[in-house]
Each structure stands twice: as structure tokens, then as C-alpha cells.
Protein backbone atom coordinates (compact mmCIF):
# COMPACT_ATOMS: atom_id res chain seq x y z
CA UNK A 1 0.00 0.00 0.00
CA UNK A 2 1.34 3.39 -0.95
CA UNK A 3 0.55 6.80 0.46
CA UNK A 4 1.06 10.16 -1.17
CA UNK A 5 3.50 12.43 0.60
CA UNK A 6 0.75 15.05 0.77
CA UNK A 7 -1.92 12.67 2.06
CA UNK A 8 -3.64 12.86 5.41
CA UNK A 9 -5.89 10.36 7.09
CA UNK A 10 -9.55 11.13 6.40
CA UNK A 11 -10.81 10.41 9.90
CA UNK A 12 -13.19 12.36 12.13
CA UNK A 13 -11.45 14.13 14.97
CA UNK A 14 -11.56 12.56 18.41
CA UNK A 15 -13.85 15.29 19.72
CA UNK A 16 -16.41 14.57 17.00
CA UNK A 17 -15.54 17.58 14.86
CA UNK A 18 -14.63 17.47 11.19
CA UNK A 19 -10.96 17.37 10.21
CA UNK A 20 -10.03 20.83 8.76
CA UNK A 21 -8.20 19.36 5.77
CA UNK A 22 -11.19 17.16 4.98
CA UNK A 23 -13.56 20.11 5.36
CA UNK A 24 -11.54 22.12 2.84
CA UNK A 25 -11.73 19.25 0.36
CA UNK A 26 -15.49 19.00 0.85
CA UNK A 27 -15.98 22.67 0.01
CA UNK A 28 -13.79 22.39 -3.09
CA UNK A 29 -15.83 19.39 -4.20
CA UNK A 30 -19.04 21.30 -3.52
CA UNK A 31 -17.91 24.09 -5.83
CA UNK A 32 -17.28 21.55 -8.57
CA UNK A 33 -20.65 19.89 -7.89
CA UNK A 34 -22.33 23.30 -8.10
CA UNK A 35 -20.82 23.85 -11.55
CA UNK A 36 -21.91 20.42 -12.77
CA UNK A 37 -25.50 20.77 -11.49
CA UNK A 38 -25.75 24.32 -12.82
CA UNK A 39 -24.77 22.94 -16.21
CA UNK A 40 -27.40 20.21 -16.03
CA UNK A 41 -30.27 22.44 -14.89
CA UNK A 42 -29.58 25.08 -17.54
CA UNK A 43 -29.75 22.40 -20.22
CA UNK A 44 -33.20 21.14 -19.18
CA UNK A 45 -34.85 24.47 -20.06
CA UNK A 46 -32.83 24.73 -23.29
CA UNK A 47 -33.95 21.44 -24.86
CA UNK A 48 -37.15 22.80 -26.52
CA UNK A 49 -35.25 25.71 -28.10
CA UNK A 50 -32.41 23.42 -29.19
CA UNK A 51 -34.96 21.12 -30.83
CA UNK A 52 -36.22 24.09 -32.85
CA UNK A 53 -32.83 25.65 -33.57
CA UNK A 54 -31.27 22.37 -34.72
CA UNK A 55 -34.40 21.04 -36.46
CA UNK A 56 -34.60 17.81 -34.46
CA UNK A 57 -37.61 15.99 -32.90
CA UNK A 58 -38.13 15.88 -29.10
CA UNK A 59 -37.09 12.22 -28.74
CA UNK A 60 -33.75 13.05 -30.39
CA UNK A 61 -33.18 16.27 -28.47
CA UNK A 62 -33.77 14.55 -25.13
CA UNK A 63 -30.59 12.55 -25.73
CA UNK A 64 -28.64 15.68 -24.77
CA UNK A 65 -29.99 14.91 -21.29
CA UNK A 66 -30.27 11.11 -21.45
CA UNK A 67 -26.77 10.63 -22.90
CA UNK A 68 -25.39 12.79 -20.09
CA UNK A 69 -27.01 10.66 -17.40
CA UNK A 70 -26.22 7.42 -19.23
CA UNK A 71 -22.54 8.31 -19.50
CA UNK A 72 -22.48 9.05 -15.79
CA UNK A 73 -24.04 5.64 -15.15
CA UNK A 74 -21.27 3.97 -17.16
CA UNK A 75 -18.45 6.01 -15.56
CA UNK A 76 -19.62 5.87 -11.95
CA UNK A 77 -19.09 2.09 -11.44
CA UNK A 78 -15.40 2.67 -12.13
CA UNK A 79 -15.09 5.27 -9.38
CA UNK A 80 -14.69 2.61 -6.69
CA UNK A 81 -11.47 1.62 -8.51
CA UNK A 82 -10.43 5.22 -9.23
CA UNK A 83 -10.83 6.39 -5.63
CA UNK A 84 -8.66 3.51 -4.41
CA UNK A 85 -5.99 3.65 -7.11
CA UNK A 86 -5.45 7.42 -7.41
CA UNK A 87 -5.17 10.30 -4.94
CA UNK A 88 -8.01 12.70 -4.18
CA UNK A 89 -6.13 15.48 -5.94
CA UNK A 90 -5.53 13.42 -9.08
CA UNK A 91 -9.15 12.28 -9.32
CA UNK A 92 -10.50 15.79 -8.73
CA UNK A 93 -8.27 17.45 -11.34
CA UNK A 94 -8.99 14.73 -13.91
CA UNK A 95 -12.74 15.17 -13.36
CA UNK A 96 -12.84 18.97 -13.54
CA UNK A 97 -10.50 19.12 -16.55
CA UNK A 98 -12.68 16.58 -18.38
CA UNK A 99 -15.82 18.55 -17.56
CA UNK A 100 -14.26 21.81 -18.79
CA UNK A 101 -13.10 20.15 -22.03
CA UNK A 102 -16.63 18.88 -22.72
CA UNK A 103 -18.07 22.33 -22.06
CA UNK A 104 -15.62 23.81 -24.57
CA UNK A 105 -16.71 21.28 -27.22
CA UNK A 106 -20.36 22.27 -26.69
CA UNK A 107 -19.46 25.94 -26.92
CA UNK A 108 -17.90 25.59 -30.40
CA UNK A 109 -20.67 23.36 -31.86
CA UNK A 110 -21.39 24.86 -35.30
CA UNK A 111 -22.75 23.93 -38.70
CA UNK A 112 -24.63 20.82 -39.87
CA UNK A 113 -22.85 18.67 -37.28
CA UNK A 114 -23.86 20.92 -34.38
CA UNK A 115 -26.05 18.27 -32.73
CA UNK A 116 -23.33 15.63 -33.01
CA UNK A 117 -20.80 18.02 -31.47
CA UNK A 118 -23.22 18.98 -28.69
CA UNK A 119 -23.88 15.32 -27.93
CA UNK A 120 -20.14 14.59 -27.88
CA UNK A 121 -19.50 17.52 -25.57
CA UNK A 122 -22.28 16.43 -23.24
CA UNK A 123 -20.80 12.92 -23.04
CA UNK A 124 -17.37 14.37 -22.17
CA UNK A 125 -18.96 16.65 -19.55
CA UNK A 126 -20.74 13.67 -18.02
CA UNK A 127 -17.52 11.68 -17.77
CA UNK A 128 -16.11 14.36 -15.49
CA UNK A 129 -19.34 14.80 -13.52
CA UNK A 130 -19.67 11.05 -13.03
CA UNK A 131 -16.35 10.98 -11.19
CA UNK A 132 -17.07 14.09 -9.13
CA UNK A 133 -20.29 13.10 -7.41
CA UNK A 134 -19.09 9.77 -5.87
CA UNK A 135 -15.86 11.52 -4.85
CA UNK A 136 -17.92 14.08 -2.94
CA UNK A 137 -20.14 11.50 -1.23
CA UNK A 138 -17.25 9.17 -0.32
CA UNK A 139 -15.25 12.07 1.12
CA UNK A 140 -18.28 13.18 3.12
CA UNK A 141 -18.70 9.74 4.67
CA UNK A 142 -15.01 9.47 5.51
CA UNK A 143 -14.45 12.83 7.20
CA UNK A 144 -17.84 13.62 8.83
CA UNK A 145 -18.69 11.89 12.16
CA UNK A 146 -21.79 9.72 12.05
CA UNK A 147 -23.79 11.92 14.44
CA UNK A 148 -23.24 15.00 12.23
CA UNK A 149 -23.88 13.49 8.80
CA UNK A 150 -27.48 14.60 8.56
CA UNK A 151 -26.55 18.17 9.44
CA UNK A 152 -23.69 18.19 6.94
CA UNK A 153 -25.82 16.57 4.23
CA UNK A 154 -28.35 19.34 4.86
CA UNK A 155 -25.69 22.00 4.34
CA UNK A 156 -24.52 20.23 1.22
CA UNK A 157 -28.12 20.18 0.02
CA UNK A 158 -28.42 23.91 0.61
CA UNK A 159 -25.29 24.67 -1.43
CA UNK A 160 -26.09 22.26 -4.23
CA UNK A 161 -29.69 23.51 -4.41
CA UNK A 162 -28.43 26.95 -5.38
CA UNK A 163 -27.64 25.52 -8.80
CA UNK A 164 -31.19 24.30 -9.51
CA UNK A 165 -32.47 27.60 -8.15
CA UNK A 166 -30.29 29.67 -10.48
CA UNK A 167 -30.00 27.30 -13.44
CA UNK A 168 -33.49 27.34 -15.01
CA UNK A 169 -33.99 31.10 -14.53
CA UNK A 170 -30.50 31.91 -15.78
CA UNK A 171 -31.06 29.58 -18.72
CA UNK A 172 -34.33 31.26 -19.65
CA UNK A 173 -32.83 34.74 -19.56
CA UNK A 174 -29.80 33.66 -21.61
CA UNK A 175 -31.92 31.83 -24.17
CA UNK A 176 -34.24 34.80 -24.66
CA UNK A 177 -31.43 37.38 -24.87
CA UNK A 178 -28.14 35.78 -25.94
CA UNK A 179 -28.87 32.36 -27.41
CA UNK A 180 -28.20 28.77 -26.35
CA UNK A 181 -24.43 28.85 -27.00
CA UNK A 182 -23.91 31.23 -24.08
CA UNK A 183 -25.15 28.56 -21.68
CA UNK A 184 -21.76 26.92 -22.13
CA UNK A 185 -19.93 30.23 -22.49
CA UNK A 186 -20.92 31.13 -18.91
CA UNK A 187 -20.35 27.71 -17.35
CA UNK A 188 -16.86 27.27 -18.87
CA UNK A 189 -15.17 30.15 -16.94
CA UNK A 190 -16.72 28.91 -13.68
CA UNK A 191 -15.31 25.44 -14.37
CA UNK A 192 -11.89 26.93 -15.07
CA UNK A 193 -11.96 28.84 -11.75
CA UNK A 194 -12.92 25.64 -9.90
CA UNK A 195 -10.05 23.84 -11.63
CA UNK A 196 -7.58 26.54 -10.58
CA UNK A 197 -8.83 26.48 -6.98
CA UNK A 198 -8.50 22.72 -6.84
CA UNK A 199 -5.00 22.80 -8.28
CA UNK A 200 -3.94 25.21 -5.52
CA UNK A 201 -5.80 23.96 -2.44
CA UNK A 202 -6.89 20.34 -3.00
CA UNK A 203 -5.43 17.99 -0.37
CA UNK A 204 -5.05 14.23 -0.70
CA UNK A 205 -7.15 12.21 1.75
CA UNK A 206 -6.56 8.62 2.79
CA UNK A 207 -4.36 6.04 1.11
CA UNK A 208 -3.99 4.67 -2.40
CA UNK A 209 -3.73 1.02 -3.39
CA UNK A 210 -2.82 -0.85 -6.55
CA UNK A 211 -6.44 -1.75 -7.20
CA UNK A 212 -7.01 -3.44 -10.59
CA UNK A 213 -9.68 -2.52 -13.11
CA UNK A 214 -11.62 -5.17 -14.99
CA UNK A 215 -12.11 -4.03 -18.59
CA UNK A 216 -14.66 -6.77 -19.25
CA UNK A 217 -16.88 -5.41 -16.47
CA UNK A 218 -16.68 -1.91 -17.95
CA UNK A 219 -17.70 -3.18 -21.40
CA UNK A 220 -20.56 -5.20 -19.94
CA UNK A 221 -21.86 -2.16 -18.05
CA UNK A 222 -21.77 -0.02 -21.21
CA UNK A 223 -23.94 -2.48 -23.18
CA UNK A 224 -26.21 -3.23 -20.21
CA UNK A 225 -27.11 0.29 -19.16
CA UNK A 226 -26.93 1.67 -22.69
CA UNK A 227 -29.25 -1.00 -24.05
CA UNK A 228 -31.90 -0.53 -21.39
CA UNK A 229 -32.02 3.27 -21.64
CA UNK A 230 -31.77 3.35 -25.44
CA UNK A 231 -34.54 0.77 -25.72
CA UNK A 232 -36.82 2.87 -23.53
CA UNK A 233 -36.14 5.93 -25.68
CA UNK A 234 -37.32 4.09 -28.78
CA UNK A 235 -40.89 3.71 -27.54
CA UNK A 236 -41.56 7.23 -28.81
CA UNK A 237 -39.59 6.83 -32.00
CA UNK A 238 -41.29 7.21 -35.39
CA UNK A 239 -40.13 6.70 -38.89
CA UNK A 240 -40.78 8.78 -41.93
CA UNK A 241 -44.20 7.22 -42.32
CA UNK A 242 -45.15 8.12 -38.77
CA UNK A 243 -45.32 4.51 -37.73
CA UNK A 244 -44.38 3.38 -34.26
CA UNK A 245 -41.11 1.67 -33.46
CA UNK A 246 -42.67 -1.79 -33.18
CA UNK A 247 -40.90 -4.61 -31.34
CA UNK A 248 -37.41 -3.12 -31.68
CA UNK A 249 -37.39 -1.41 -28.24
CA UNK A 250 -38.24 -4.68 -26.49
CA UNK A 251 -35.38 -6.46 -28.24
CA UNK A 252 -32.90 -3.73 -27.27
CA UNK A 253 -34.07 -3.73 -23.65
CA UNK A 254 -33.84 -7.52 -23.52
CA UNK A 255 -30.26 -7.40 -24.77
CA UNK A 256 -29.44 -4.78 -22.14
CA UNK A 257 -31.01 -6.95 -19.43
CA UNK A 258 -28.94 -9.96 -20.49
CA UNK A 259 -25.72 -7.95 -20.33
CA UNK A 260 -26.78 -6.53 -16.94
CA UNK A 261 -27.13 -10.09 -15.65
CA UNK A 262 -23.68 -10.89 -17.05
CA UNK A 263 -22.27 -7.78 -15.34
CA UNK A 264 -23.69 -8.91 -11.98
CA UNK A 265 -22.36 -12.45 -12.50
CA UNK A 266 -18.93 -11.05 -13.38
CA UNK A 267 -18.77 -9.02 -10.17
CA UNK A 268 -19.71 -12.07 -8.08
CA UNK A 269 -17.01 -14.15 -9.75
CA UNK A 270 -14.37 -11.44 -9.33
CA UNK A 271 -15.22 -11.11 -5.64
CA UNK A 272 -14.19 -14.74 -5.14
CA UNK A 273 -10.80 -14.45 -6.83
CA UNK A 274 -9.77 -10.80 -6.88
CA UNK A 275 -11.35 -7.34 -6.62
CA UNK A 276 -14.58 -6.57 -8.52
CA UNK A 277 -15.16 -3.34 -10.39
CA UNK A 278 -18.26 -2.79 -8.22
CA UNK A 279 -18.40 -4.65 -4.91
CA UNK A 280 -21.96 -5.98 -4.68
CA UNK A 281 -21.42 -6.68 -1.00
CA UNK A 282 -23.08 -3.30 -0.39
CA UNK A 283 -26.41 -4.97 -1.17
CA UNK A 284 -26.07 -7.23 1.86
CA UNK A 285 -27.32 -4.32 3.95
CA UNK A 286 -31.13 -4.32 4.07
CA UNK A 287 -31.27 -0.63 4.92
CA UNK A 288 -29.01 0.23 1.99
CA UNK A 289 -31.18 -1.78 -0.41
CA UNK A 290 -34.42 -0.14 0.75
CA UNK A 291 -32.90 3.36 0.67
CA UNK A 292 -31.40 2.91 -2.76
CA UNK A 293 -34.69 1.47 -4.06
CA UNK A 294 -36.48 4.64 -2.99
CA UNK A 295 -33.72 6.72 -4.57
CA UNK A 296 -34.20 4.89 -7.88
CA UNK A 297 -37.96 5.48 -7.85
CA UNK A 298 -37.62 9.14 -6.91
CA UNK A 299 -34.89 9.71 -9.52
CA UNK A 300 -36.89 8.05 -12.30
CA UNK A 301 -39.92 10.21 -11.54
CA UNK A 302 -37.95 13.40 -10.84
CA UNK A 303 -35.57 13.43 -13.82
CA UNK A 304 -38.33 12.37 -16.19
CA UNK A 305 -40.60 15.11 -14.89
CA UNK A 306 -37.90 17.78 -15.01
CA UNK A 307 -37.19 16.86 -18.65
CA UNK A 308 -40.86 16.89 -19.59
CA UNK A 309 -41.90 20.01 -17.67
CA UNK A 310 -40.09 22.50 -19.98
CA UNK A 311 -41.72 20.79 -22.98
CA UNK A 312 -45.14 21.30 -21.42
CA UNK A 313 -44.48 24.87 -20.26
CA UNK A 314 -43.12 26.07 -23.61
CA UNK A 315 -44.94 23.91 -26.18
CA UNK A 316 -48.32 23.43 -24.49
CA UNK A 317 -48.75 26.31 -22.03
CA UNK A 318 -47.10 28.71 -24.47
CA UNK A 319 -44.68 30.27 -21.98
CA UNK A 320 -41.27 31.66 -22.88
CA UNK A 321 -37.97 30.24 -21.67
CA UNK A 322 -37.58 32.95 -19.00
CA UNK A 323 -41.12 32.41 -17.69
CA UNK A 324 -40.51 28.65 -17.56
CA UNK A 325 -37.36 29.18 -15.53
CA UNK A 326 -39.11 31.54 -13.12
CA UNK A 327 -41.81 28.93 -12.44
CA UNK A 328 -39.11 26.55 -11.20
CA UNK A 329 -37.24 29.19 -9.16
CA UNK A 330 -39.36 29.40 -5.95
CA UNK A 331 -39.35 25.65 -5.42
CA UNK A 332 -35.61 25.37 -5.94
CA UNK A 333 -34.87 28.22 -3.54
CA UNK A 334 -37.18 26.66 -0.96
CA UNK A 335 -35.43 23.32 -1.40
CA UNK A 336 -32.07 24.96 -0.76
CA UNK A 337 -33.20 26.86 2.33
CA UNK A 338 -34.73 23.74 3.86
CA UNK A 339 -31.53 21.70 3.48
CA UNK A 340 -30.02 22.48 6.92
CA UNK A 341 -33.44 22.08 8.57
CA UNK A 342 -33.88 18.61 7.06
CA UNK A 343 -30.39 17.65 8.18
CA UNK A 344 -31.06 18.63 11.80
CA UNK A 345 -34.39 16.77 11.78
CA UNK A 346 -32.66 13.65 10.44
CA UNK A 347 -29.96 13.76 13.13
CA UNK A 348 -32.56 14.21 15.87
CA UNK A 349 -35.44 11.99 14.73
CA UNK A 350 -34.23 9.69 11.95
CA UNK A 351 -35.38 9.28 8.34
CA UNK A 352 -39.04 8.26 8.52
CA UNK A 353 -40.34 11.59 9.83
CA UNK A 354 -38.92 13.13 6.64
CA UNK A 355 -39.28 10.35 4.07
CA UNK A 356 -42.94 9.52 4.62
CA UNK A 357 -44.38 13.04 4.15
CA UNK A 358 -41.69 13.85 1.56
CA UNK A 359 -42.59 10.91 -0.68
CA UNK A 360 -46.29 11.74 -0.33
CA UNK A 361 -45.65 15.33 -1.43
CA UNK A 362 -43.71 14.15 -4.50
CA UNK A 363 -46.52 11.81 -5.52
CA UNK A 364 -49.17 14.48 -4.91
CA UNK A 365 -47.36 17.01 -7.10
CA UNK A 366 -47.00 14.48 -9.90
CA UNK A 367 -50.69 13.55 -9.76
CA UNK A 368 -51.52 17.25 -10.04
CA UNK A 369 -49.26 17.55 -13.09
CA UNK A 370 -51.24 14.71 -14.68
CA UNK A 371 -54.26 17.09 -14.80
CA UNK A 372 -52.58 20.07 -16.49
CA UNK A 373 -53.87 21.54 -19.75
CA UNK A 374 -53.24 24.48 -22.06
CA UNK A 375 -54.83 26.98 -19.66
CA UNK A 376 -53.61 25.74 -16.27
CA UNK A 377 -52.95 28.87 -14.10
CA UNK A 378 -49.30 29.71 -13.53
CA UNK A 379 -49.75 30.05 -9.76
CA UNK A 380 -50.93 26.44 -9.58
CA UNK A 381 -47.82 25.29 -11.46
CA UNK A 382 -45.56 27.29 -9.12
CA UNK A 383 -47.33 25.82 -6.08
CA UNK A 384 -47.09 22.25 -7.38
CA UNK A 385 -43.40 22.66 -8.12
CA UNK A 386 -42.80 24.10 -4.63
CA UNK A 387 -44.59 21.13 -3.04
CA UNK A 388 -42.49 18.72 -5.09
CA UNK A 389 -39.28 20.56 -4.14
CA UNK A 390 -40.09 20.30 -0.42
CA UNK A 391 -40.73 16.60 -0.92
CA UNK A 392 -37.37 16.18 -2.65
CA UNK A 393 -35.60 18.10 0.13
CA UNK A 394 -37.27 15.80 2.66
CA UNK A 395 -36.10 12.72 0.75
CA UNK A 396 -32.54 13.20 -0.42
CA UNK A 397 -30.89 14.06 2.93
CA UNK A 398 -32.19 10.95 4.76
CA UNK A 399 -31.68 8.68 1.75
CA UNK A 400 -28.02 9.61 1.25
CA UNK A 401 -27.29 9.53 4.98
CA UNK A 402 -29.15 6.31 5.81
CA UNK A 403 -27.96 4.33 2.78
CA UNK A 404 -24.22 5.02 2.98
CA UNK A 405 -24.27 5.14 6.78
CA UNK A 406 -25.43 1.51 6.79
CA UNK A 407 -22.16 0.35 5.21
CA UNK A 408 -18.73 -0.33 6.71
CA UNK A 409 -16.04 2.25 5.92
CA UNK A 410 -14.20 0.07 3.30
CA UNK A 411 -17.38 -0.08 1.22
CA UNK A 412 -18.18 3.66 1.20
CA UNK A 413 -16.71 4.19 -2.28
CA UNK A 414 -18.51 1.15 -3.71
CA UNK A 415 -21.77 2.10 -2.00
CA UNK A 416 -21.53 5.62 -3.39
CA UNK A 417 -20.76 4.21 -6.83
CA UNK A 418 -23.73 1.83 -6.72
CA UNK A 419 -26.09 4.54 -5.47
CA UNK A 420 -25.03 7.11 -8.06
CA UNK A 421 -25.02 4.55 -10.88
CA UNK A 422 -28.57 3.41 -10.21
CA UNK A 423 -29.70 6.99 -9.68
CA UNK A 424 -28.38 8.04 -13.08
CA UNK A 425 -29.71 4.98 -14.90
CA UNK A 426 -33.12 5.58 -13.34
CA UNK A 427 -32.97 9.25 -14.30
CA UNK A 428 -31.98 8.47 -17.88
CA UNK A 429 -34.70 5.81 -18.13
CA UNK A 430 -37.31 8.16 -16.67
CA UNK A 431 -36.34 10.93 -19.09
CA UNK A 432 -36.44 8.58 -22.07
CA UNK A 433 -39.74 6.99 -21.02
CA UNK A 434 -41.68 10.18 -20.27
CA UNK A 435 -40.43 12.07 -23.33
CA UNK A 436 -41.24 9.03 -25.46
CA UNK A 437 -44.82 8.94 -24.17
CA UNK A 438 -45.15 12.67 -24.81
CA UNK A 439 -43.70 12.32 -28.33
CA UNK A 440 -46.06 9.47 -29.21
CA UNK A 441 -49.13 11.56 -28.40
CA UNK A 442 -47.58 14.59 -30.12
CA UNK A 443 -47.02 12.74 -33.40
CA UNK A 444 -50.47 11.16 -33.31
CA UNK A 445 -52.18 14.50 -32.66
CA UNK A 446 -50.25 16.36 -35.36
CA UNK A 447 -51.14 13.62 -37.84
CA UNK A 448 -54.78 14.41 -37.10
CA UNK A 449 -54.24 18.10 -37.79
CA UNK A 450 -54.00 19.32 -34.20
CA UNK A 451 -51.67 22.11 -33.13
CA UNK A 452 -48.55 21.34 -31.06
CA UNK A 453 -50.29 22.59 -27.92
CA UNK A 454 -53.46 20.55 -28.57
CA UNK A 455 -51.49 17.42 -29.42
CA UNK A 456 -48.97 17.81 -26.62
CA UNK A 457 -51.40 18.37 -23.73
CA UNK A 458 -52.72 14.78 -23.50
CA UNK A 459 -49.19 13.47 -23.99
CA UNK A 460 -47.90 15.54 -21.06
CA UNK A 461 -50.78 14.43 -18.85
CA UNK A 462 -50.23 10.76 -19.66
CA UNK A 463 -46.49 10.96 -19.06
CA UNK A 464 -46.93 12.77 -15.74
CA UNK A 465 -49.50 10.16 -14.69
CA UNK A 466 -46.97 7.38 -15.32
CA UNK A 467 -44.43 9.21 -13.15
CA UNK A 468 -47.06 9.67 -10.43
CA UNK A 469 -47.90 5.96 -10.25
CA UNK A 470 -44.20 5.05 -10.21
CA UNK A 471 -43.65 7.44 -7.29
CA UNK A 472 -46.16 5.53 -5.14
CA UNK A 473 -43.51 2.85 -4.68
CA UNK A 474 -41.39 5.28 -2.67
CA UNK A 475 -44.35 6.06 -0.40
CA UNK A 476 -44.71 2.37 0.47
CA UNK A 477 -40.99 1.83 1.09
CA UNK A 478 -40.45 5.00 3.14
CA UNK A 479 -41.85 3.33 6.26
CA UNK A 480 -39.03 0.74 6.32
CA UNK A 481 -35.93 2.97 6.29
CA UNK A 482 -34.13 3.20 9.64
CA UNK A 483 -31.29 5.40 10.87
CA UNK A 484 -27.97 3.53 11.25
CA UNK A 485 -26.12 4.27 14.48
CA UNK A 486 -22.86 4.75 12.57
CA UNK A 487 -20.85 2.28 14.63
CA UNK A 488 -22.52 -0.95 15.66
CA UNK A 489 -24.39 -1.57 12.41
CA UNK A 490 -21.34 -0.81 10.29
CA UNK A 491 -19.19 -3.15 12.39
CA UNK A 492 -21.76 -5.91 12.02
CA UNK A 493 -21.89 -5.38 8.26
CA UNK A 494 -18.09 -5.43 8.11
CA UNK A 495 -18.01 -8.71 10.01
CA UNK A 496 -20.58 -10.21 7.66
CA UNK A 497 -18.70 -8.84 4.68
């Protein structure tokens, strides 16, 4: 085992406070996370305008979001290896440089190949983001004492929520005044500043090992996750004759499922002889499995809804990009302000007091969205989005804290990788599924001579209704999540592991 000369042990202090070096790393990682989430939330509002500007249909344009999440899902399983093999500083700089390079590619996307360049840039951006998020969560678990994790997760939620609060509104203003290219022109300098700050102040935490990487597992994960998400996206696909995609999506999904089974089998076999790419021992914890299951359901509903909502607001409700962003602003600000409050409640009372009402609020907001039409009042949309944001704030802090807190320290990086992988796959699948449902209704209505608004309204309602029913699963599971004590449960899991 080797240790960098600049490394320090990432351990909570004896008095229960957070190690200063670890705290500095957390804040640097939060800055990078802010940049990445700002980038993602600005893109959601921009998709309808990009569809028009580039002359592409909605199911093709949504790949600027789905490909981003899918790439993250492919990259994240490798982070367990990366965080063990390389230093914190090396991983951070590689991630932020990759993100900045992808942003630059998007910025210079011109001509007939603009969509291809944008898609390439988004994939490169996602490769950097996919490394950053598990690095943040693993560092958090290593340097924050168990009794303070809820409070710290709440503060993290407050900082990270600033990006969703600013992103949609900033995106709308930029789109209406400067054009879509400036979305990347503004994010790129921020990424460069974060890169410079990390190069100067990033400290190495913990120790590095000569952990191997299994290329076969990486290839299996690419085909598995890619096949499932791409197959879902094809349900809304139409050819030149307007016909539906037929049986092709089911075949693609089936292939993805087979490769997913092979990926799982490969990890089990590697665990017996060497080190797996993704240690599935994290799923031996019941609390981790329940928490991550809720996270998958919430992510599928949330990401799908956030991708569909701008389509409804701009194409059906007839609002501009700035107005659409302003509708999302109050809920995002509220979500950020509630972060510390949710963290303190979690530390004092555990997850259920937050998860149960939070999951109910998410489902209620989605069922309301399933009733929207062309003339739905703006104040009702703002209220529904605020209710959903409070529900999300009540869910994410306890889910992150309870899931990773249920694992022994050696499995933090693998648990974070598994959680983030499934979250991104669920988000990509939800985006593909809901946009596909919307597109199917849109094509059918336009073929009958209806306007975009008239054809899109029933499609939006149907897609939101699907998300609402999916979200009911999180309501049922919320009652079974418990708060790990941070010591005894982890030691028991480690002994079993």
C-alpha cells in the first residue's frame, strides 16, 4: 500500500468535529458539484429551443440529457477503482478538466454537425461529472462523524440547491437574450476557476492502493445500461411514415437486461478471486437496499418530470424560456433553504419523519401535473413545483445519509458508486420513457391536424400520470428505512462482509 507524501488520514477528529483538511476538500468538491449541477439544470430548459434551432424531434433532443445521465451511469461504477488507485487530488483534477473540455466542445458546436458536437460535448462533460459526485459523497462519509452526517448533508443540500435555483432562470434569460451557446460560455469560466482552486488547495485524503480494473466489467456495463435506456427511448420513435417503433425497443431492452445479468455475474465471480469493479457486497445491507430502491424510484420520476416540464411549459402552455425558468425558481430556492433544517431533523429523529411526508408530497405534485392543460394557471404550477421541491428536500438528505451510513467504511466508495449509478440509470430511463410517451401523443395528434399545444397536452398528462404511479412505490418503502447508528451496524456489516 502506498501513500502520497501530501496525504492525510480522512478520519473524524476525536472530539467529534470534522478534520479541517477534509472540510476544505469538501468545500472544493461542492464548488465543482455546483458547476456540474448548474450545467445540467440550464440544459433542461434549453432542450425545446435546441430542438427548434437544430431542427430535431423531441425524442432526439432529449438525448442531450439522457446521454449525459447514461454516460455518468457507465463512468460511476469505475469510481470505486479510481478512488482507491489514485489520490483525491488526481481524481478531482482529472474530473474537472474533463468537464471543462466537454463544455468547450459544446461551446464551439457549429454547422450541420452541431447536434453531433453537442452530444459529444455532453458525453465528455458527463464523464467528469460522473467521477465528481461519488468523490464528494465518499469524502463526506469518511471525514464527517456519524452523528453529524445529517446536518452536513443538509448543508450540502443547501449549497447544491443553489444551482437548480439559479439554473433554469438563468437559462431562460440567456436563451431569450443571448442564445443557447452562451449557456456553455458562462459555465466554462466557472469550471476553469474551480479547476484553478482545486490545483492550488486540494489535499489528498486517505491512502492509495494498486487496485485493478476489470475491462470486461466496464464493457458489460456499457452495453447493459446503454441497451436498457436506449430501448426505452425508442418507444416514442417514429419513422418517416409516422409509424411506431414496433418490437425493436423490447429487443434492445432484452439485450441490455442480459448484459446486466452478465455484469452482476462477473462481479460475483471477481469477488471470489480478486477485486470486482463494483463490490456488490453493499447490497447485503437491508437498509441500503431499501434506501437505494427509494432513490431509484424518486430519480426516475424526478428526472423524467424535469425533462418533460419544460416541454409542457413552452410547447403546451405557451410560456417563454424565461417564464418557464421563473416557475421553477421558488421551489428550488425553498429546497435549498430547507436543506439544513432537514439535516437537523434527520440527526434528531431519523429518516421516517422526513421520508414519509416527503414521498407523499412528491406523488401528490405528480398527480396534479397529470391534470394540467393548455390553460392551467401559472400560480398552480408554481405551487405544485414548490410542493415537489419540499418533498425532494425531505427525501434526499435521509436517503443519502441512511444508505451510505449503513455500510462499513471500506465499502463507502462502492456504495456511493452503486447509489449514483442506479440513480443516473433511473434518471436516464425516466427521461427517455416520459419524453417518449409525450412524443407518441404529439405525433399522433399532429397527424390528425391538431396544433402542437393541442397534441402535446394529452401526452404531457399521460407521461406525468406514469411518473405519479411510479412514485407511489417510494411512499410504500419510506416506512421501512431506519437510521444507522454509525458504529454498531457498520461493524456488524463489516463482520458479515
